[in-house]
Amino acid sequence: MKSYIDSYKEYLDKELGYSQKTINSYIGDVEQFSQFVDKYKLNFIKIDKDHVRDYLKFLDEFKLTNKSIARKLSSLRGFYNYLREIKVIDDNVFNYISNPKIDKKLPNFLSNQEVDELFESIDVSTDLGVRNRLLLELIYSTGMRLSECASVKVNDINMHERTIKVMGKGSKERILYYGSVAQECLDNYLNGPRDNLLGKKNSDYLFINHFGDKLHEEGIENVLKDVIKKIAFKHKISIHSLRHTFATHLLNNGADIRTVQELLGHESLATTEIYTHVTNERIREVYLKTHPRNKK
């Protein structure tokens, strides 16, 4: 099974263009199933529904959430679809196994005031501060994913059109847009601080760390952690929260959901529709405050 896992890993990387973080997650789930198969001396090519049920019982020991179990089943579904594609198996039993029900959790997002507070807390008197200000501004202004942000190259940016070309999930290219505030931050960063961070090194990537190398995903997450230490937000904020905030603020200000879907790079509209639950609360609030029949 190991040789197939290795080839699947290469498939996720070369063919589908998944981020290293996503690949590690998928492969980790498949390797855990491989351990189960080895422990009970099963033939991984002849897995049936009873074996899958036994595996789910095996996972009970780890006290996993339904969301985690659903992710593991999804990882195995993908792996066995790959095995079917390369004709190792004829059918994929995981396609007949339903995921456990997951309660939809509303995405965490910032208010307009919190966004302003976040950006104003960044000290832009240093090269790293200028970089950090641009980093968070671009994520909020464009809705790009963490992996996409880390991969942006200077040549991906069209400053005349104020667009950024990114490579999303499944190696799907899309164009993102940014406004005047982000442009000002970009100008500030490219007019000295980026070259200062590079020193004598060269890099195509937009975001550079203090060693003069590409700023990776973990480094971007650490930037936000350092920034929010200074702010007493009542709820947990992550890089993904800025992407949620981007989508929610667009919808609150009249953007249609299909446009937001395209900007976020969601394949399914259903993925984007979770944001309508957030904006519905805003709509209700506006209605209660403004409709004349409600005022009486």
Foldseek 3Di string as FASTA:
>chain_A
DVVLLVVVLVCQCPQQNDDPVVSVLLSVLVVVVVVVCVVVVHDVQPDAPVNVVVVVVVCVVVVDDLVSQLVSLVSQQVSVVVCCVVPVHVDRRSVVDDRDDDDDDQAAADDPVVVVVLLVLQDPPALVSLLLSLLLQCCLFQLEDLQFSLPFFPVQADLVQQWGWTQDTRRDIDITHGDDVSSVSLCVNVVPSLCVQLPPHDDRHDHADNVNHRQHSVNSQVSSVVSCVVPDDPDDDTSNNSSLHSLLVCVLVPDDQVVNCRSNVPPDSVVSCSSVVVSVVVVVVCCCVDDPVNVD
